[in-house]
Amino acid sequence: MSKTSDGNGKRVTSRVAVTAAGIVSPLGFGLDETLNSLREARDCITRVSRFSVAECRCKTAGQVPDEPLLKEQHETNRAKRLHRASRMMIRALSEAN
């Protein structure tokens, strides 16, 4: 629970309730795909390809692939402008229904 000031010096309490969420991870999208990856001991660690790691000690990471994020989005102008993290959040929340 977050407490903030409303500008008049009064404390206002804000509440957020998350009732469900799905899974978006390097292991898969959704519970079934993720569980199958875990059961099969699938290795999802690859060389980092989304940005330069020339100056980093670690060159590998678990990366969420772009293709599943893009294929279900309606390619309207607004959808094209969405940040990658927003696409992941929409996908995870859509699985919760």
Protein backbone atom coordinates (compact mmCIF):
# COMPACT_ATOMS: atom_id res chain seq x y z
CA MET A 1 0.00 0.00 0.00
CA SER A 2 1.40 3.36 -1.02
CA LYS A 3 0.84 6.61 0.84
CA THR A 4 1.27 9.90 -0.97
CA SER A 5 0.36 13.52 -0.46
CA ASP A 6 -2.52 15.00 -2.48
CA GLY A 7 -0.99 18.49 -2.71
CA ASN A 8 -2.96 19.83 0.27
CA GLY A 9 -0.78 18.02 2.75
CA LYS A 10 -3.31 15.23 3.29
CA ARG A 11 -2.15 11.63 3.08
CA VAL A 12 -3.92 9.59 0.42
CA THR A 13 -3.80 5.80 0.40
CA SER A 14 -3.60 4.04 -2.97
CA ARG A 15 -4.38 0.35 -3.40
CA VAL A 16 -3.62 -2.04 -6.20
CA ALA A 17 -4.93 -5.58 -6.51
CA VAL A 18 -3.44 -8.08 -8.94
CA THR A 19 -5.82 -11.00 -9.25
CA ALA A 20 -3.93 -13.13 -11.75
CA ALA A 21 -0.97 -13.15 -14.10
CA GLY A 22 0.55 -15.42 -16.69
CA ILE A 23 4.13 -16.43 -17.39
CA VAL A 24 6.40 -14.80 -19.95
CA SER A 25 9.95 -16.10 -19.58
CA PRO A 26 12.86 -17.49 -21.56
CA LEU A 27 11.49 -20.95 -20.69
CA GLY A 28 8.23 -20.27 -22.49
CA PHE A 29 4.95 -18.43 -22.63
CA GLY A 30 2.27 -19.77 -20.33
CA LEU A 31 2.25 -22.35 -17.58
CA ASP A 32 2.16 -25.45 -19.80
CA GLU A 33 5.09 -24.41 -21.99
CA THR A 34 7.14 -23.32 -18.97
CA LEU A 35 6.47 -26.57 -17.08
CA ASN A 36 7.41 -28.63 -20.14
CA SER A 37 10.67 -26.71 -20.46
CA LEU A 38 11.45 -27.32 -16.80
CA ARG A 39 10.61 -31.04 -17.04
CA GLU A 40 12.81 -31.41 -20.11
CA ALA A 41 15.61 -29.42 -18.40
CA ARG A 42 15.71 -27.15 -21.45
CA ASP A 43 18.62 -24.74 -21.45
CA CYS A 44 17.38 -21.26 -22.30
CA ILE A 45 20.65 -19.43 -21.66
CA THR A 46 22.14 -18.01 -24.87
CA ARG A 47 24.58 -15.31 -25.93
CA VAL A 48 23.07 -11.86 -25.39
CA SER A 49 21.85 -10.50 -28.70
CA ARG A 50 19.60 -7.56 -27.78
CA PHE A 51 22.42 -5.15 -26.90
CA SER A 52 26.20 -4.91 -26.89
CA VAL A 53 27.94 -6.81 -24.09
CA ALA A 54 31.46 -5.84 -25.17
CA GLU A 55 32.12 -4.04 -21.88
CA CYS A 56 30.34 -6.61 -19.69
CA ARG A 57 31.85 -9.60 -17.91
CA CYS A 58 28.79 -11.75 -18.53
CA LYS A 59 28.02 -12.51 -22.16
CA THR A 60 25.08 -14.90 -21.69
CA ALA A 61 21.54 -14.57 -20.30
CA GLY A 62 18.03 -15.92 -20.53
CA GLN A 63 16.27 -13.83 -23.18
CA VAL A 64 12.58 -13.73 -24.05
CA PRO A 65 12.23 -14.19 -27.82
CA ASP A 66 10.50 -11.44 -29.83
CA GLU A 67 8.54 -13.62 -32.27
CA PRO A 68 5.83 -14.84 -29.85
CA LEU A 69 5.39 -11.30 -28.54
CA LEU A 70 4.85 -9.85 -32.00
CA LYS A 71 2.73 -12.51 -33.68
CA GLU A 72 -0.40 -12.05 -31.55
CA GLN A 73 -0.35 -8.26 -31.41
CA HIS A 74 -2.62 -6.44 -33.81
CA GLU A 75 -0.20 -4.36 -35.82
CA THR A 76 -1.94 -1.02 -35.48
CA ASN A 77 0.17 2.12 -35.28
CA ARG A 78 -0.35 2.21 -31.51
CA ALA A 79 0.65 -1.46 -31.07
CA LYS A 80 3.83 -0.92 -33.09
CA ARG A 81 4.91 1.81 -30.67
CA LEU A 82 4.53 -0.34 -27.56
CA HIS A 83 7.67 -0.98 -25.54
CA ARG A 84 8.85 -4.58 -25.39
CA ALA A 85 8.11 -4.75 -21.65
CA SER A 86 4.54 -3.59 -22.34
CA ARG A 87 4.11 -6.38 -24.88
CA MET A 88 5.31 -8.90 -22.26
CA MET A 89 2.89 -7.51 -19.68
CA ILE A 90 -0.06 -7.67 -22.12
CA ARG A 91 0.82 -11.25 -23.02
CA ALA A 92 1.11 -12.33 -19.37
CA LEU A 93 -2.17 -10.68 -18.42
CA SER A 94 -3.99 -12.16 -21.41
CA GLU A 95 -2.97 -15.66 -20.29
CA ALA A 96 -4.50 -15.10 -16.88
CA ASN A 97 -8.02 -14.97 -18.28
